[in-house]
Amino acid sequence: MKATGIVRKIDGLGRIVLPIETRNVMNIKTKDALEIYVDDDKIILRKYEPACMFCGSADETVNFNGKLICRECFNKLKSEFEKI
């Protein structure tokens, strides 16, 4: 993990402001979604990228009935159904 030396206080509504330098480096734009993870005593923010519900891959995903599925998992499912 890389320290930036930047410290921010949480406001009364529990918000923090991500510095513009950090947003630029991470390519985070206004209205982008961030995922929040907790690891022991750490809070980790990660830019959200929709991913396959089966394998977690964000490559070549399609929306099927509100669920994202990558091409590889789609092909695996297709071949399993063809066996039936």
PDB file of N, CA and C in Angstrom:
ATOM      1  N   MET A   1       0.851  -1.174   0.000  1.00  0.00           N
ATOM      2  CA  MET A   1       0.000   0.000   0.000  1.00  0.00           C
ATOM      3  C   MET A   1       0.892   1.231   0.000  1.00  0.00           C
ATOM      4  N   LYS A   2       0.467   2.243  -0.729  1.00  0.00           N
ATOM      5  CA  LYS A   2       1.277   3.449  -0.910  1.00  0.00           C
ATOM      6  C   LYS A   2       0.664   4.607  -0.108  1.00  0.00           C
ATOM      7  N   ALA A   3       1.457   5.225   0.759  1.00  0.00           N
ATOM      8  CA  ALA A   3       0.995   6.373   1.538  1.00  0.00           C
ATOM      9  C   ALA A   3       1.045   7.633   0.689  1.00  0.00           C
ATOM     10  N   THR A   4       0.023   8.503   0.842  1.00  0.00           N
ATOM     11  CA  THR A   4      -0.004   9.753   0.091  1.00  0.00           C
ATOM     12  C   THR A   4       0.341  10.952   0.964  1.00  0.00           C
ATOM     13  N   GLY A   5       0.226  10.794   2.269  1.00  0.00           N
ATOM     14  CA  GLY A   5       0.483  11.906   3.175  1.00  0.00           C
ATOM     15  C   GLY A   5      -0.695  12.850   3.303  1.00  0.00           C
ATOM     16  N   ILE A   6      -1.802  12.516   2.668  1.00  0.00           N
ATOM     17  CA  ILE A   6      -2.999  13.359   2.713  1.00  0.00           C
ATOM     18  C   ILE A   6      -3.934  12.845   3.810  1.00  0.00           C
ATOM     19  N   VAL A   7      -4.396  13.763   4.644  1.00  0.00           N
ATOM     20  CA  VAL A   7      -5.319  13.412   5.728  1.00  0.00           C
ATOM     21  C   VAL A   7      -6.594  14.219   5.545  1.00  0.00           C
ATOM     22  N   ARG A   8      -7.735  13.574   5.673  1.00  0.00           N
ATOM     23  CA  ARG A   8      -9.034  14.244   5.565  1.00  0.00           C
ATOM     24  C   ARG A   8      -9.877  13.887   6.777  1.00  0.00           C
ATOM     25  N   LYS A   9     -10.690  14.830   7.244  1.00  0.00           N
ATOM     26  CA  LYS A   9     -11.605  14.584   8.349  1.00  0.00           C
ATOM     27  C   LYS A   9     -12.975  14.183   7.811  1.00  0.00           C
ATOM     28  N   ILE A  10     -13.682  13.373   8.565  1.00  0.00           N
ATOM     29  CA  ILE A  10     -15.046  12.968   8.221  1.00  0.00           C
ATOM     30  C   ILE A  10     -15.992  14.058   8.699  1.00  0.00           C
ATOM     31  N   ASP A  11     -16.938  14.459   7.834  1.00  0.00           N
ATOM     32  CA  ASP A  11     -17.883  15.507   8.236  1.00  0.00           C
ATOM     33  C   ASP A  11     -19.028  14.913   9.052  1.00  0.00           C
ATOM     34  N   GLY A  12     -19.976  15.743   9.426  1.00  0.00           N
ATOM     35  CA  GLY A  12     -21.098  15.337  10.273  1.00  0.00           C
ATOM     36  C   GLY A  12     -21.991  14.275   9.664  1.00  0.00           C
ATOM     37  N   LEU A  13     -21.948  14.116   8.354  1.00  0.00           N
ATOM     38  CA  LEU A  13     -22.756  13.096   7.674  1.00  0.00           C
ATOM     39  C   LEU A  13     -21.941  11.846   7.334  1.00  0.00           C
ATOM     40  N   GLY A  14     -20.697  11.789   7.830  1.00  0.00           N
ATOM     41  CA  GLY A  14     -19.853  10.619   7.589  1.00  0.00           C
ATOM     42  C   GLY A  14     -19.138  10.635   6.251  1.00  0.00           C
ATOM     43  N   ARG A  15     -19.048  11.790   5.612  1.00  0.00           N
ATOM     44  CA  ARG A  15     -18.435  11.891   4.282  1.00  0.00           C
ATOM     45  C   ARG A  15     -16.988  12.354   4.375  1.00  0.00           C
ATOM     46  N   ILE A  16     -16.219  11.952   3.367  1.00  0.00           N
ATOM     47  CA  ILE A  16     -14.870  12.484   3.183  1.00  0.00           C
ATOM     48  C   ILE A  16     -14.762  12.939   1.733  1.00  0.00           C
ATOM     49  N   VAL A  17     -13.840  13.829   1.470  1.00  0.00           N
ATOM     50  CA  VAL A  17     -13.584  14.288   0.104  1.00  0.00           C
ATOM     51  C   VAL A  17     -12.299  13.632  -0.367  1.00  0.00           C
ATOM     52  N   LEU A  18     -12.379  12.950  -1.513  1.00  0.00           N
ATOM     53  CA  LEU A  18     -11.172  12.387  -2.108  1.00  0.00           C
ATOM     54  C   LEU A  18     -10.459  13.506  -2.856  1.00  0.00           C
ATOM     55  N   PRO A  19      -9.185  13.707  -2.578  1.00  0.00           N
ATOM     56  CA  PRO A  19      -8.446  14.785  -3.244  1.00  0.00           C
ATOM     57  C   PRO A  19      -8.453  14.609  -4.762  1.00  0.00           C
ATOM     58  N   ILE A  20      -8.455  15.713  -5.481  1.00  0.00           N
ATOM     59  CA  ILE A  20      -8.493  15.692  -6.941  1.00  0.00           C
ATOM     60  C   ILE A  20      -7.310  14.913  -7.505  1.00  0.00           C
ATOM     61  N   GLU A  21      -6.151  15.029  -6.872  1.00  0.00           N
ATOM     62  CA  GLU A  21      -4.976  14.298  -7.350  1.00  0.00           C
ATOM     63  C   GLU A  21      -5.219  12.788  -7.305  1.00  0.00           C
ATOM     64  N   THR A  22      -5.822  12.334  -6.236  1.00  0.00           N
ATOM     65  CA  THR A  22      -6.123  10.903  -6.089  1.00  0.00           C
ATOM     66  C   THR A  22      -7.157  10.472  -7.113  1.00  0.00           C
ATOM     67  N   ARG A  23      -8.192  11.290  -7.295  1.00  0.00           N
ATOM     68  CA  ARG A  23      -9.226  10.958  -8.284  1.00  0.00           C
ATOM     69  C   ARG A  23      -8.642  10.910  -9.689  1.00  0.00           C
ATOM     70  N   ASN A  24      -7.761  11.826 -10.004  1.00  0.00           N
ATOM     71  CA  ASN A  24      -7.138  11.837 -11.333  1.00  0.00           C
ATOM     72  C   ASN A  24      -6.275  10.599 -11.547  1.00  0.00           C
ATOM     73  N   VAL A  25      -5.448  10.262 -10.574  1.00  0.00           N
ATOM     74  CA  VAL A  25      -4.570   9.093 -10.687  1.00  0.00           C
ATOM     75  C   VAL A  25      -5.384   7.815 -10.852  1.00  0.00           C
ATOM     76  N   MET A  26      -6.502   7.715 -10.141  1.00  0.00           N
ATOM     77  CA  MET A  26      -7.330   6.512 -10.169  1.00  0.00           C
ATOM     78  C   MET A  26      -8.430   6.577 -11.238  1.00  0.00           C
ATOM     79  N   ASN A  27      -8.441   7.658 -12.020  1.00  0.00           N
ATOM     80  CA  ASN A  27      -9.445   7.851 -13.074  1.00  0.00           C
ATOM     81  C   ASN A  27     -10.876   7.753 -12.529  1.00  0.00           C
ATOM     82  N   ILE A  28     -11.108   8.407 -11.403  1.00  0.00           N
ATOM     83  CA  ILE A  28     -12.432   8.436 -10.781  1.00  0.00           C
ATOM     84  C   ILE A  28     -13.101   9.751 -11.159  1.00  0.00           C
ATOM     85  N   LYS A  29     -14.233   9.636 -11.825  1.00  0.00           N
ATOM     86  CA  LYS A  29     -14.986  10.808 -12.285  1.00  0.00           C
ATOM     87  C   LYS A  29     -16.216  11.027 -11.402  1.00  0.00           C
ATOM     88  N   THR A  30     -16.812  12.215 -11.509  1.00  0.00           N
ATOM     89  CA  THR A  30     -18.050  12.511 -10.793  1.00  0.00           C
ATOM     90  C   THR A  30     -19.100  11.478 -11.156  1.00  0.00           C
ATOM     91  N   LYS A  31     -19.806  10.986 -10.188  1.00  0.00           N
ATOM     92  CA  LYS A  31     -20.880   9.985 -10.323  1.00  0.00           C
ATOM     93  C   LYS A  31     -20.365   8.555 -10.493  1.00  0.00           C
ATOM     94  N   ASP A  32     -19.031   8.327 -10.535  1.00  0.00           N
ATOM     95  CA  ASP A  32     -18.524   6.958 -10.578  1.00  0.00           C
ATOM     96  C   ASP A  32     -18.868   6.259  -9.260  1.00  0.00           C
ATOM     97  N   ALA A  33     -19.120   4.971  -9.339  1.00  0.00           N
ATOM     98  CA  ALA A  33     -19.425   4.188  -8.143  1.00  0.00           C
ATOM     99  C   ALA A  33     -18.130   3.620  -7.563  1.00  0.00           C
ATOM    100  N   LEU A  34     -18.071   3.571  -6.242  1.00  0.00           N
ATOM    101  CA  LEU A  34     -16.932   2.980  -5.543  1.00  0.00           C
ATOM    102  C   LEU A  34     -17.434   1.824  -4.682  1.00  0.00           C
ATOM    103  N   GLU A  35     -16.666   0.747  -4.649  1.00  0.00           N
ATOM    104  CA  GLU A  35     -16.961  -0.376  -3.759  1.00  0.00           C
ATOM    105  C   GLU A  35     -16.210  -0.134  -2.457  1.00  0.00           C
ATOM    106  N   ILE A  36     -16.817  -0.549  -1.358  1.00  0.00           N
ATOM    107  CA  ILE A  36     -16.201  -0.374  -0.043  1.00  0.00           C
ATOM    108  C   ILE A  36     -15.918  -1.755   0.541  1.00  0.00           C
ATOM    109  N   TYR A  37     -14.660  -1.987   0.908  1.00  0.00           N
ATOM    110  CA  TYR A  37     -14.230  -3.236   1.528  1.00  0.00           C
ATOM    111  C   TYR A  37     -13.675  -2.926   2.911  1.00  0.00           C
ATOM    112  N   VAL A  38     -13.762  -3.892   3.811  1.00  0.00           N
ATOM    113  CA  VAL A  38     -13.153  -3.776   5.133  1.00  0.00           C
ATOM    114  C   VAL A  38     -12.212  -4.957   5.304  1.00  0.00           C
ATOM    115  N   ASP A  39     -10.976  -4.674   5.687  1.00  0.00           N
ATOM    116  CA  ASP A  39      -9.963  -5.708   5.911  1.00  0.00           C
ATOM    117  C   ASP A  39      -9.282  -5.408   7.238  1.00  0.00           C
ATOM    118  N   ASP A  40      -9.673  -6.147   8.264  1.00  0.00           N
ATOM    119  CA  ASP A  40      -9.196  -5.904   9.631  1.00  0.00           C
ATOM    120  C   ASP A  40      -9.456  -4.442  10.007  1.00  0.00           C
ATOM    121  N   ASP A  41      -8.393  -3.639  10.143  1.00  0.00           N
ATOM    122  CA  ASP A  41      -8.555  -2.248  10.559  1.00  0.00           C
ATOM    123  C   ASP A  41      -8.475  -1.274   9.385  1.00  0.00           C
ATOM    124  N   LYS A  42      -8.633  -1.788   8.162  1.00  0.00           N
ATOM    125  CA  LYS A  42      -8.525  -0.942   6.976  1.00  0.00           C
ATOM    126  C   LYS A  42      -9.867  -0.819   6.267  1.00  0.00           C
ATOM    127  N   ILE A  43     -10.128   0.356   5.711  1.00  0.00           N
ATOM    128  CA  ILE A  43     -11.256   0.576   4.811  1.00  0.00           C
ATOM    129  C   ILE A  43     -10.652   0.782   3.434  1.00  0.00           C
ATOM    130  N   ILE A  44     -11.103  -0.006   2.467  1.00  0.00           N
ATOM    131  CA  ILE A  44     -10.548   0.047   1.119  1.00  0.00           C
ATOM    132  C   ILE A  44     -11.634   0.498   0.157  1.00  0.00           C
ATOM    133  N   LEU A  45     -11.340   1.537  -0.608  1.00  0.00           N
ATOM    134  CA  LEU A  45     -12.249   2.014  -1.649  1.00  0.00           C
ATOM    135  C   LEU A  45     -11.695   1.569  -2.984  1.00  0.00           C
ATOM    136  N   ARG A  46     -12.565   1.046  -3.838  1.00  0.00           N
ATOM    137  CA  ARG A  46     -12.144   0.582  -5.155  1.00  0.00           C
ATOM    138  C   ARG A  46     -13.178   1.029  -6.171  1.00  0.00           C
ATOM    139  N   LYS A  47     -12.704   1.510  -7.306  1.00  0.00           N
ATOM    140  CA  LYS A  47     -13.617   1.910  -8.363  1.00  0.00           C
ATOM    141  C   LYS A  47     -14.426   0.692  -8.791  1.00  0.00           C
ATOM    142  N   TYR A  48     -15.745   0.839  -8.810  1.00  0.00           N
ATOM    143  CA  TYR A  48     -16.624  -0.279  -9.131  1.00  0.00           C
ATOM    144  C   TYR A  48     -16.648  -0.547 -10.621  1.00  0.00           C
ATOM    145  N   GLU A  49     -16.427  -1.781 -10.980  1.00  0.00           N
ATOM    146  CA  GLU A  49     -16.558  -2.216 -12.367  1.00  0.00           C
ATOM    147  C   GLU A  49     -17.470  -3.432 -12.359  1.00  0.00           C
ATOM    148  N   PRO A  50     -18.607  -3.344 -13.053  1.00  0.00           N
ATOM    149  CA  PRO A  50     -19.523  -4.482 -13.082  1.00  0.00           C
ATOM    150  C   PRO A  50     -18.804  -5.739 -13.581  1.00  0.00           C
ATOM    151  N   ALA A  51     -19.107  -6.875 -12.954  1.00  0.00           N
ATOM    152  CA  ALA A  51     -18.410  -8.110 -13.290  1.00  0.00           C
ATOM    153  C   ALA A  51     -19.374  -9.292 -13.333  1.00  0.00           C
ATOM    154  N   CYS A  52     -18.911 -10.373 -13.910  1.00  0.00           N
ATOM    155  CA  CYS A  52     -19.678 -11.606 -14.046  1.00  0.00           C
ATOM    156  C   CYS A  52     -20.086 -12.136 -12.671  1.00  0.00           C
ATOM    157  N   MET A  53     -21.338 -12.529 -12.550  1.00  0.00           N
ATOM    158  CA  MET A  53     -21.833 -13.021 -11.266  1.00  0.00           C
ATOM    159  C   MET A  53     -21.243 -14.379 -10.900  1.00  0.00           C
ATOM    160  N   PHE A  54     -20.670 -15.099 -11.867  1.00  0.00           N
ATOM    161  CA  PHE A  54     -20.119 -16.421 -11.595  1.00  0.00           C
ATOM    162  C   PHE A  54     -18.628 -16.388 -11.302  1.00  0.00           C
ATOM    163  N   CYS A  55     -17.852 -15.702 -12.147  1.00  0.00           N
ATOM    164  CA  CYS A  55     -16.389 -15.765 -12.002  1.00  0.00           C
ATOM    165  C   CYS A  55     -15.759 -14.437 -11.572  1.00  0.00           C
ATOM    166  N   GLY A  56     -16.513 -13.341 -11.653  1.00  0.00           N
ATOM    167  CA  GLY A  56     -15.971 -12.046 -11.251  1.00  0.00           C
ATOM    168  C   GLY A  56     -15.227 -11.304 -12.344  1.00  0.00           C
ATOM    169  N   SER A  57     -15.143 -11.871 -13.535  1.00  0.00           N
ATOM    170  CA  SER A  57     -14.449 -11.209 -14.645  1.00  0.00           C
ATOM    171  C   SER A  57     -15.273 -10.027 -15.151  1.00  0.00           C
ATOM    172  N   ALA A  58     -14.582  -8.939 -15.487  1.00  0.00           N
ATOM    173  CA  ALA A  58     -15.266  -7.765 -16.041  1.00  0.00           C
ATOM    174  C   ALA A  58     -15.135  -7.715 -17.559  1.00  0.00           C
ATOM    175  N   ASP A  59     -14.512  -8.729 -18.146  1.00  0.00           N
ATOM    176  CA  ASP A  59     -14.291  -8.757 -19.597  1.00  0.00           C
ATOM    177  C   ASP A  59     -15.511  -9.312 -20.331  1.00  0.00           C
ATOM    178  N   GLU A  60     -15.922  -8.641 -21.381  1.00  0.00           N
ATOM    179  CA  GLU A  60     -16.981  -9.089 -22.276  1.00  0.00           C
ATOM    180  C   GLU A  60     -18.236  -9.558 -21.532  1.00  0.00           C
ATOM    181  N   THR A  61     -18.775  -8.699 -20.679  1.00  0.00           N
ATOM    182  CA  THR A  61     -19.987  -9.065 -19.947  1.00  0.00           C
ATOM    183  C   THR A  61     -21.223  -8.600 -20.702  1.00  0.00           C
ATOM    184  N   VAL A  62     -22.303  -9.354 -20.510  1.00  0.00           N
ATOM    185  CA  VAL A  62     -23.603  -8.990 -21.059  1.00  0.00           C
ATOM    186  C   VAL A  62     -24.619  -9.050 -19.930  1.00  0.00           C
ATOM    187  N   ASN A  63     -25.643  -8.222 -20.038  1.00  0.00           N
ATOM    188  CA  ASN A  63     -26.701  -8.195 -19.037  1.00  0.00           C
ATOM    189  C   ASN A  63     -27.769  -9.200 -19.447  1.00  0.00           C
ATOM    190  N   PHE A  64     -28.029 -10.182 -18.587  1.00  0.00           N
ATOM    191  CA  PHE A  64     -29.065 -11.174 -18.840  1.00  0.00           C
ATOM    192  C   PHE A  64     -30.038 -11.161 -17.671  1.00  0.00           C
ATOM    193  N   ASN A  65     -31.236 -10.654 -17.915  1.00  0.00           N
ATOM    194  CA  ASN A  65     -32.266 -10.553 -16.864  1.00  0.00           C
ATOM    195  C   ASN A  65     -31.741  -9.853 -15.603  1.00  0.00           C
ATOM    196  N   GLY A  66     -30.986  -8.782 -15.803  1.00  0.00           N
ATOM    197  CA  GLY A  66     -30.495  -8.001 -14.677  1.00  0.00           C
ATOM    198  C   GLY A  66     -29.229  -8.534 -14.038  1.00  0.00           C
ATOM    199  N   LYS A  67     -28.661  -9.602 -14.582  1.00  0.00           N
ATOM    200  CA  LYS A  67     -27.423 -10.184 -14.056  1.00  0.00           C
ATOM    201  C   LYS A  67     -26.349 -10.112 -15.125  1.00  0.00           C
ATOM    202  N   LEU A  68     -25.120  -9.795 -14.710  1.00  0.00           N
ATOM    203  CA  LEU A  68     -24.013  -9.748 -15.655  1.00  0.00           C
ATOM    204  C   LEU A  68     -23.347 -11.120 -15.761  1.00  0.00           C
ATOM    205  N   ILE A  69     -23.115 -11.553 -16.983  1.00  0.00           N
ATOM    206  CA  ILE A  69     -22.457 -12.834 -17.239  1.00  0.00           C
ATOM    207  C   ILE A  69     -21.402 -12.602 -18.315  1.00  0.00           C
ATOM    208  N   CYS A  70     -20.191 -13.121 -18.081  1.00  0.00           N
ATOM    209  CA  CYS A  70     -19.144 -12.976 -19.095  1.00  0.00           C
ATOM    210  C   CYS A  70     -19.337 -14.022 -20.191  1.00  0.00           C
ATOM    211  N   ARG A  71     -18.705 -13.790 -21.316  1.00  0.00           N
ATOM    212  CA  ARG A  71     -18.856 -14.682 -22.465  1.00  0.00           C
ATOM    213  C   ARG A  71     -18.406 -16.109 -22.128  1.00  0.00           C
ATOM    214  N   GLU A  72     -17.305 -16.240 -21.392  1.00  0.00           N
ATOM    215  CA  GLU A  72     -16.788 -17.569 -21.062  1.00  0.00           C
ATOM    216  C   GLU A  72     -17.790 -18.359 -20.214  1.00  0.00           C
ATOM    217  N   CYS A  73     -18.347 -17.730 -19.180  1.00  0.00           N
ATOM    218  CA  CYS A  73     -19.340 -18.423 -18.342  1.00  0.00           C
ATOM    219  C   CYS A  73     -20.617 -18.698 -19.125  1.00  0.00           C
ATOM    220  N   PHE A  74     -21.006 -17.769 -19.989  1.00  0.00           N
ATOM    221  CA  PHE A  74     -22.170 -17.987 -20.841  1.00  0.00           C
ATOM    222  C   PHE A  74     -21.968 -19.235 -21.700  1.00  0.00           C
ATOM    223  N   ASN A  75     -20.797 -19.361 -22.305  1.00  0.00           N
ATOM    224  CA  ASN A  75     -20.514 -20.524 -23.143  1.00  0.00           C
ATOM    225  C   ASN A  75     -20.499 -21.816 -22.333  1.00  0.00           C
ATOM    226  N   LYS A  76     -19.983 -21.758 -21.108  1.00  0.00           N
ATOM    227  CA  LYS A  76     -20.000 -22.941 -20.240  1.00  0.00           C
ATOM    228  C   LYS A  76     -21.432 -23.340 -19.896  1.00  0.00           C
ATOM    229  N   LEU A  77     -22.260 -22.345 -19.558  1.00  0.00           N
ATOM    230  CA  LEU A  77     -23.665 -22.633 -19.259  1.00  0.00           C
ATOM    231  C   LEU A  77     -24.374 -23.214 -20.473  1.00  0.00           C
ATOM    232  N   LYS A  78     -24.104 -22.622 -21.606  1.00  0.00           N
ATOM    233  CA  LYS A  78     -24.732 -23.082 -22.858  1.00  0.00           C
ATOM    234  C   LYS A  78     -24.379 -24.541 -23.122  1.00  0.00           C
ATOM    235  N   SER A  79     -23.108 -24.890 -22.966  1.00  0.00           N
ATOM    236  CA  SER A  79     -22.694 -26.266 -23.232  1.00  0.00           C
ATOM    237  C   SER A  79     -23.300 -27.238 -22.212  1.00  0.00           C
ATOM    238  N   GLU A  80     -23.474 -26.810 -20.977  1.00  0.00           N
ATOM    239  CA  GLU A  80     -24.115 -27.661 -19.973  1.00  0.00           C
ATOM    240  C   GLU A  80     -25.590 -27.908 -20.320  1.00  0.00           C
ATOM    241  N   PHE A  81     -26.275 -26.877 -20.774  1.00  0.00           N
ATOM    242  CA  PHE A  81     -27.689 -27.040 -21.138  1.00  0.00           C
ATOM    243  C   PHE A  81     -27.854 -27.881 -22.399  1.00  0.00           C
ATOM    244  N   GLU A  82     -26.876 -27.825 -23.276  1.00  0.00           N
ATOM    245  CA  GLU A  82     -26.942 -28.647 -24.493  1.00  0.00           C
ATOM    246  C   GLU A  82     -26.807 -30.133 -24.178  1.00  0.00           C
ATOM    247  N   LYS A  83     -26.201 -30.462 -23.025  1.00  0.00           N
ATOM    248  CA  LYS A  83     -26.056 -31.857 -22.612  1.00  0.00           C
ATOM    249  C   LYS A  83     -27.382 -32.443 -22.115  1.00  0.00           C
ATOM    250  N   ILE A  84     -28.287 -31.559 -21.706  1.00  0.00           N
ATOM    251  CA  ILE A  84     -29.563 -32.020 -21.135  1.00  0.00           C
ATOM    252  C   ILE A  84     -30.499 -32.509 -22.215  1.00  0.00           C
TER     253      ILE A  84
END
